[in-house]
N, C-alpha and C. Protein backbone atom coordinates (compact mmCIF):
# COMPACT_ATOMS: atom_id res chain seq x y z
N MET A 1 0.85 -1.18 0.00
CA MET A 1 0.00 0.00 0.00
C MET A 1 0.89 1.24 0.00
N ALA A 2 0.65 2.13 -0.94
CA ALA A 2 1.46 3.36 -1.03
C ALA A 2 0.75 4.48 -0.27
N TYR A 3 1.53 5.27 0.46
CA TYR A 3 0.98 6.40 1.22
C TYR A 3 1.38 7.69 0.54
N ASP A 4 0.43 8.64 0.49
CA ASP A 4 0.69 9.91 -0.18
C ASP A 4 1.59 10.84 0.63
N ASN A 5 1.46 10.77 1.94
CA ASN A 5 2.29 11.66 2.75
C ASN A 5 2.67 11.00 4.07
N LYS A 6 3.51 11.70 4.83
CA LYS A 6 4.00 11.16 6.09
C LYS A 6 2.88 10.97 7.11
N ASN A 7 1.88 11.85 7.09
CA ASN A 7 0.77 11.75 8.06
C ASN A 7 -0.01 10.45 7.87
N GLU A 8 -0.27 10.09 6.65
CA GLU A 8 -1.00 8.85 6.38
C GLU A 8 -0.18 7.63 6.84
N LYS A 9 1.13 7.70 6.58
CA LYS A 9 2.00 6.60 6.99
C LYS A 9 2.04 6.50 8.52
N ALA A 10 2.12 7.63 9.19
CA ALA A 10 2.15 7.65 10.66
C ALA A 10 0.84 7.13 11.23
N LEU A 11 -0.27 7.54 10.63
CA LEU A 11 -1.58 7.07 11.08
C LEU A 11 -1.71 5.57 10.89
N ALA A 12 -1.30 5.07 9.76
CA ALA A 12 -1.37 3.63 9.50
C ALA A 12 -0.50 2.86 10.49
N SER A 13 0.67 3.41 10.79
CA SER A 13 1.57 2.77 11.75
C SER A 13 0.95 2.76 13.15
N MET A 14 0.33 3.86 13.53
CA MET A 14 -0.31 3.96 14.83
C MET A 14 -1.48 2.99 14.94
N ILE A 15 -2.27 2.90 13.90
CA ILE A 15 -3.41 1.97 13.90
C ILE A 15 -2.94 0.54 14.02
N LEU A 16 -1.87 0.20 13.32
CA LEU A 16 -1.31 -1.14 13.39
C LEU A 16 -0.82 -1.45 14.82
N CYS A 17 -0.14 -0.49 15.43
CA CYS A 17 0.35 -0.70 16.80
C CYS A 17 -0.81 -0.90 17.77
N VAL A 18 -1.84 -0.09 17.64
CA VAL A 18 -3.01 -0.22 18.52
C VAL A 18 -3.69 -1.56 18.28
N LYS A 19 -3.83 -1.93 17.03
CA LYS A 19 -4.47 -3.20 16.70
C LYS A 19 -3.72 -4.38 17.32
N LEU A 20 -2.40 -4.37 17.19
CA LEU A 20 -1.60 -5.44 17.78
C LEU A 20 -1.70 -5.44 19.30
N ALA A 21 -1.70 -4.27 19.91
CA ALA A 21 -1.82 -4.17 21.37
C ALA A 21 -3.17 -4.69 21.85
N VAL A 22 -4.22 -4.38 21.11
CA VAL A 22 -5.57 -4.85 21.47
C VAL A 22 -5.65 -6.36 21.34
N ILE A 23 -5.11 -6.90 20.28
CA ILE A 23 -5.11 -8.36 20.09
C ILE A 23 -4.37 -9.04 21.23
N GLU A 24 -3.21 -8.52 21.59
CA GLU A 24 -2.43 -9.09 22.70
C GLU A 24 -3.19 -8.98 24.02
N PHE A 25 -3.82 -7.84 24.22
CA PHE A 25 -4.59 -7.62 25.45
C PHE A 25 -5.70 -8.66 25.58
N PHE A 26 -6.45 -8.87 24.52
CA PHE A 26 -7.56 -9.82 24.58
C PHE A 26 -7.08 -11.27 24.72
N LYS A 27 -5.91 -11.56 24.21
CA LYS A 27 -5.33 -12.89 24.44
C LYS A 27 -5.08 -13.09 25.94
N LEU A 28 -4.53 -12.06 26.58
CA LEU A 28 -4.27 -12.14 28.03
C LEU A 28 -5.58 -12.27 28.82
N VAL A 29 -6.58 -11.52 28.43
CA VAL A 29 -7.88 -11.60 29.11
C VAL A 29 -8.44 -13.01 28.99
N GLU A 30 -8.37 -13.59 27.81
CA GLU A 30 -8.87 -14.95 27.61
C GLU A 30 -8.09 -15.96 28.44
N GLU A 31 -6.77 -15.79 28.53
CA GLU A 31 -5.97 -16.68 29.37
C GLU A 31 -6.38 -16.59 30.83
N LEU A 32 -6.65 -15.38 31.29
CA LEU A 32 -7.11 -15.20 32.67
C LEU A 32 -8.48 -15.86 32.89
N ARG A 33 -9.35 -15.71 31.92
CA ARG A 33 -10.68 -16.32 32.05
C ARG A 33 -10.60 -17.84 32.03
N GLU A 34 -9.65 -18.38 31.29
CA GLU A 34 -9.47 -19.84 31.23
C GLU A 34 -9.07 -20.41 32.59
N VAL A 35 -8.35 -19.63 33.38
CA VAL A 35 -7.99 -20.08 34.73
C VAL A 35 -8.99 -19.55 35.77
N GLU A 36 -10.17 -19.20 35.26
CA GLU A 36 -11.33 -18.82 36.06
C GLU A 36 -11.14 -17.54 36.87
N VAL A 37 -10.35 -16.61 36.36
CA VAL A 37 -10.28 -15.27 36.93
C VAL A 37 -11.44 -14.49 36.35
N VAL A 38 -12.27 -13.93 37.22
CA VAL A 38 -13.47 -13.22 36.76
C VAL A 38 -13.10 -11.80 36.35
N ILE A 39 -13.26 -11.54 35.07
CA ILE A 39 -13.04 -10.21 34.53
C ILE A 39 -14.27 -9.86 33.69
N THR A 40 -15.04 -8.91 34.17
CA THR A 40 -16.25 -8.52 33.45
C THR A 40 -15.87 -7.80 32.16
N ASP A 41 -16.81 -7.75 31.25
CA ASP A 41 -16.57 -7.02 30.00
C ASP A 41 -16.31 -5.54 30.28
N GLU A 42 -17.05 -4.99 31.25
CA GLU A 42 -16.85 -3.57 31.59
C GLU A 42 -15.43 -3.32 32.08
N LEU A 43 -14.95 -4.19 32.96
CA LEU A 43 -13.59 -4.04 33.47
C LEU A 43 -12.58 -4.19 32.33
N THR A 44 -12.83 -5.11 31.45
CA THR A 44 -11.95 -5.31 30.30
C THR A 44 -11.84 -4.03 29.48
N VAL A 45 -12.97 -3.41 29.22
CA VAL A 45 -12.98 -2.17 28.43
C VAL A 45 -12.22 -1.07 29.16
N PHE A 46 -12.47 -0.93 30.46
CA PHE A 46 -11.77 0.11 31.22
C PHE A 46 -10.26 -0.11 31.25
N ILE A 47 -9.84 -1.33 31.42
CA ILE A 47 -8.40 -1.61 31.42
C ILE A 47 -7.81 -1.29 30.05
N LEU A 48 -8.51 -1.69 29.01
CA LEU A 48 -8.03 -1.42 27.65
C LEU A 48 -7.94 0.09 27.40
N LEU A 49 -8.99 0.82 27.76
CA LEU A 49 -8.98 2.26 27.53
C LEU A 49 -7.89 2.96 28.34
N SER A 50 -7.69 2.49 29.56
CA SER A 50 -6.68 3.14 30.41
C SER A 50 -5.26 2.90 29.91
N ASN A 51 -5.07 1.89 29.08
CA ASN A 51 -3.74 1.59 28.57
C ASN A 51 -3.46 2.21 27.21
N LEU A 52 -4.41 2.94 26.67
CA LEU A 52 -4.16 3.62 25.40
C LEU A 52 -3.26 4.83 25.65
N SER A 53 -2.53 5.23 24.64
CA SER A 53 -1.61 6.36 24.79
C SER A 53 -2.39 7.68 24.90
N LYS A 54 -1.67 8.72 25.26
CA LYS A 54 -2.26 10.06 25.42
C LYS A 54 -2.92 10.56 24.13
N LYS A 55 -2.48 10.05 23.01
CA LYS A 55 -3.07 10.46 21.73
C LYS A 55 -4.55 10.14 21.66
N PHE A 56 -4.99 9.16 22.47
CA PHE A 56 -6.38 8.73 22.45
C PHE A 56 -7.19 9.29 23.62
N GLU A 57 -6.65 10.30 24.30
CA GLU A 57 -7.31 10.82 25.50
C GLU A 57 -8.74 11.29 25.22
N ASN A 58 -8.96 12.02 24.13
CA ASN A 58 -10.31 12.49 23.81
C ASN A 58 -11.27 11.32 23.61
N PHE A 59 -10.79 10.31 22.92
CA PHE A 59 -11.61 9.12 22.69
C PHE A 59 -11.94 8.43 24.01
N VAL A 60 -10.93 8.27 24.87
CA VAL A 60 -11.12 7.60 26.16
C VAL A 60 -12.14 8.36 27.00
N VAL A 61 -12.00 9.67 27.08
CA VAL A 61 -12.93 10.47 27.88
C VAL A 61 -14.35 10.36 27.32
N THR A 62 -14.49 10.39 26.02
CA THR A 62 -15.81 10.26 25.39
C THR A 62 -16.44 8.91 25.73
N MET A 63 -15.65 7.86 25.66
CA MET A 63 -16.17 6.52 25.97
C MET A 63 -16.55 6.40 27.45
N GLU A 64 -15.75 6.99 28.33
CA GLU A 64 -16.05 6.94 29.76
C GLU A 64 -17.34 7.69 30.07
N ILE A 65 -17.53 8.84 29.44
CA ILE A 65 -18.76 9.62 29.65
C ILE A 65 -19.96 8.84 29.15
N ALA A 66 -19.83 8.22 28.00
CA ALA A 66 -20.94 7.42 27.45
C ALA A 66 -21.27 6.27 28.40
N PHE A 67 -20.26 5.61 28.93
CA PHE A 67 -20.47 4.51 29.87
C PHE A 67 -21.18 5.01 31.13
N LEU A 68 -20.71 6.12 31.67
CA LEU A 68 -21.33 6.67 32.88
C LEU A 68 -22.78 7.07 32.63
N LYS A 69 -23.05 7.61 31.46
CA LYS A 69 -24.42 7.99 31.11
C LYS A 69 -25.32 6.76 31.10
N ILE A 70 -24.84 5.68 30.50
CA ILE A 70 -25.61 4.44 30.46
C ILE A 70 -25.86 3.92 31.87
N LYS A 71 -24.84 3.94 32.70
CA LYS A 71 -24.97 3.45 34.08
C LYS A 71 -25.96 4.31 34.87
N LEU A 72 -25.91 5.62 34.69
CA LEU A 72 -26.85 6.50 35.39
C LEU A 72 -28.29 6.25 34.94
N LEU A 73 -28.48 6.04 33.66
CA LEU A 73 -29.82 5.74 33.16
C LEU A 73 -30.32 4.41 33.72
N GLU A 74 -29.45 3.41 33.77
CA GLU A 74 -29.83 2.10 34.34
C GLU A 74 -30.18 2.24 35.81
N GLU A 75 -29.39 3.00 36.54
CA GLU A 75 -29.65 3.20 37.97
C GLU A 75 -30.97 3.96 38.18
N GLY A 76 -31.23 4.92 37.31
CA GLY A 76 -32.50 5.65 37.39
C GLY A 76 -33.69 4.73 37.18
N LYS A 77 -33.58 3.82 36.22
CA LYS A 77 -34.65 2.85 35.98
C LYS A 77 -34.86 1.94 37.19
N LYS A 78 -33.75 1.51 37.81
CA LYS A 78 -33.85 0.66 39.00
C LYS A 78 -34.55 1.40 40.13
N GLN A 79 -34.19 2.68 40.32
CA GLN A 79 -34.80 3.47 41.39
C GLN A 79 -36.29 3.66 41.14
N CYS A 80 -36.68 3.90 39.89
CA CYS A 80 -38.09 4.04 39.55
C CYS A 80 -38.84 2.74 39.85
N ALA A 81 -38.25 1.62 39.51
CA ALA A 81 -38.90 0.33 39.77
C ALA A 81 -39.06 0.10 41.27
N ILE A 82 -38.05 0.47 42.06
CA ILE A 82 -38.13 0.31 43.51
C ILE A 82 -39.24 1.20 44.07
N GLU A 83 -39.29 2.44 43.62
CA GLU A 83 -40.32 3.37 44.09
C GLU A 83 -41.72 2.89 43.71
N GLU A 84 -41.86 2.39 42.48
CA GLU A 84 -43.16 1.89 42.04
C GLU A 84 -43.61 0.70 42.87
N SER A 85 -42.70 -0.21 43.19
CA SER A 85 -43.08 -1.36 44.00
C SER A 85 -43.40 -0.93 45.43
N ALA A 86 -42.69 0.06 45.95
CA ALA A 86 -42.99 0.56 47.30
C ALA A 86 -44.37 1.21 47.34
N ILE A 87 -44.70 1.96 46.31
CA ILE A 87 -46.02 2.60 46.24
C ILE A 87 -47.10 1.53 46.15
N LYS A 88 -46.86 0.51 45.35
CA LYS A 88 -47.83 -0.58 45.21
C LYS A 88 -48.07 -1.26 46.56
N VAL A 89 -47.00 -1.53 47.31
CA VAL A 89 -47.14 -2.17 48.63
C VAL A 89 -47.93 -1.26 49.56
N LEU A 90 -47.62 0.02 49.55
CA LEU A 90 -48.34 0.96 50.41
C LEU A 90 -49.82 1.02 50.05
N MET A 91 -50.11 1.01 48.77
CA MET A 91 -51.51 1.05 48.33
C MET A 91 -52.24 -0.23 48.73
N GLU A 92 -51.57 -1.38 48.61
CA GLU A 92 -52.18 -2.64 49.02
C GLU A 92 -52.43 -2.66 50.52
N ASP A 93 -51.47 -2.15 51.31
CA ASP A 93 -51.65 -2.07 52.76
C ASP A 93 -52.83 -1.17 53.12
N ARG A 94 -52.93 -0.05 52.44
CA ARG A 94 -54.02 0.89 52.70
C ARG A 94 -55.36 0.27 52.33
N SER A 95 -55.40 -0.42 51.19
CA SER A 95 -56.62 -1.09 50.74
C SER A 95 -57.01 -2.16 51.75
N TYR A 96 -56.03 -2.92 52.26
CA TYR A 96 -56.29 -3.97 53.25
C TYR A 96 -56.83 -3.35 54.54
N ALA A 97 -56.25 -2.25 54.98
CA ALA A 97 -56.70 -1.58 56.20
C ALA A 97 -58.13 -1.08 56.03
N ASN A 98 -58.45 -0.51 54.87
CA ASN A 98 -59.81 -0.02 54.62
C ASN A 98 -60.82 -1.16 54.62
N SER A 99 -60.46 -2.30 54.03
CA SER A 99 -61.39 -3.43 54.00
C SER A 99 -61.60 -3.98 55.41
N ASN A 100 -60.59 -3.95 56.25
CA ASN A 100 -60.75 -4.39 57.65
C ASN A 100 -61.67 -3.45 58.41
N GLU A 101 -61.55 -2.15 58.18
CA GLU A 101 -62.43 -1.19 58.85
C GLU A 101 -63.88 -1.43 58.44
N GLN A 102 -64.11 -1.74 57.18
CA GLN A 102 -65.47 -1.99 56.71
C GLN A 102 -66.03 -3.24 57.36
N ARG A 103 -65.21 -4.28 57.53
CA ARG A 103 -65.67 -5.50 58.20
C ARG A 103 -66.02 -5.22 59.66
N VAL A 104 -65.20 -4.43 60.31
CA VAL A 104 -65.46 -4.09 61.71
C VAL A 104 -66.77 -3.32 61.80
N ASP A 105 -67.01 -2.39 60.89
CA ASP A 105 -68.26 -1.62 60.88
C ASP A 105 -69.46 -2.54 60.66
N LYS A 106 -69.36 -3.51 59.74
CA LYS A 106 -70.47 -4.43 59.48
C LYS A 106 -70.72 -5.32 60.70
N ASN A 107 -69.66 -5.79 61.35
CA ASN A 107 -69.81 -6.63 62.54
C ASN A 107 -70.45 -5.86 63.67
N SER A 108 -70.10 -4.63 63.82
CA SER A 108 -70.66 -3.85 64.93
C SER A 108 -72.12 -3.49 64.66
N ALA A 109 -72.55 -3.46 63.42
CA ALA A 109 -73.94 -3.13 63.10
C ALA A 109 -74.88 -4.23 63.57
N GLY A 110 -74.44 -5.46 63.62
CA GLY A 110 -75.29 -6.57 64.05
C GLY A 110 -75.28 -6.77 65.56
N ALA A 111 -74.48 -6.05 66.31
CA ALA A 111 -74.38 -6.23 67.76
C ALA A 111 -75.51 -5.49 68.47
N THR A 112 -75.63 -5.73 69.78
CA THR A 112 -76.66 -5.05 70.58
C THR A 112 -76.31 -3.59 70.71
N ASN A 113 -77.25 -2.78 71.13
CA ASN A 113 -77.03 -1.34 71.22
C ASN A 113 -75.86 -0.99 72.13
N GLY A 114 -75.74 -1.64 73.30
CA GLY A 114 -74.65 -1.34 74.22
C GLY A 114 -73.30 -1.66 73.62
N SER A 115 -73.19 -2.84 73.02
CA SER A 115 -71.90 -3.21 72.45
C SER A 115 -71.64 -2.44 71.17
N ARG A 116 -72.70 -2.02 70.46
CA ARG A 116 -72.51 -1.24 69.25
C ARG A 116 -71.83 0.08 69.59
N ASN A 117 -72.27 0.71 70.67
CA ASN A 117 -71.65 1.97 71.06
C ASN A 117 -70.19 1.76 71.43
N ASN A 118 -69.89 0.66 72.12
CA ASN A 118 -68.49 0.39 72.47
C ASN A 118 -67.65 0.14 71.22
N ASN A 119 -68.21 -0.63 70.26
CA ASN A 119 -67.47 -0.89 69.01
C ASN A 119 -67.25 0.38 68.24
N ASN A 120 -68.26 1.26 68.19
CA ASN A 120 -68.10 2.52 67.44
C ASN A 120 -67.00 3.37 68.05
N LYS A 121 -66.88 3.34 69.39
CA LYS A 121 -65.79 4.10 70.02
C LYS A 121 -64.45 3.52 69.60
N CYS A 122 -64.36 2.18 69.55
CA CYS A 122 -63.11 1.55 69.11
C CYS A 122 -62.81 1.89 67.66
N ASN A 123 -63.85 1.88 66.82
CA ASN A 123 -63.64 2.20 65.41
C ASN A 123 -63.14 3.62 65.24
N LYS A 124 -63.70 4.54 66.03
CA LYS A 124 -63.24 5.93 65.92
C LYS A 124 -61.77 6.04 66.32
N ASN A 125 -61.39 5.27 67.33
CA ASN A 125 -59.98 5.30 67.76
C ASN A 125 -59.07 4.70 66.70
N LEU A 126 -59.56 3.69 65.96
CA LEU A 126 -58.75 3.08 64.91
C LEU A 126 -58.53 4.04 63.74
N LYS A 127 -59.53 4.87 63.46
CA LYS A 127 -59.42 5.79 62.32
C LYS A 127 -58.46 6.88 62.67
């Protein structure tokens, strides 16, 4: 392959060096995984990015920001799900408490006048 100028040749050389470094890096990661060392894909990416030269600093920062954005969005979804389930539990508890009050009211309606007054006092205290 012929290059028109020194910049193209330098860029091609740099790409080749990065490509070889990435291939070597992933060989090492696979060897570690074969001996059952747990390395997540996220950790693999961070290690790889942190080992790139200063020439790639803008790229590394952009990738880190994108990763953090994804993580924040995922965490936001988790928090929404937790809040929704908490609200659901609270609503079910409130519904259960209301149905118990209605049962107590129905039971007290069938009682004698003296006990009805006592039950109504208890019901008022429960509310």
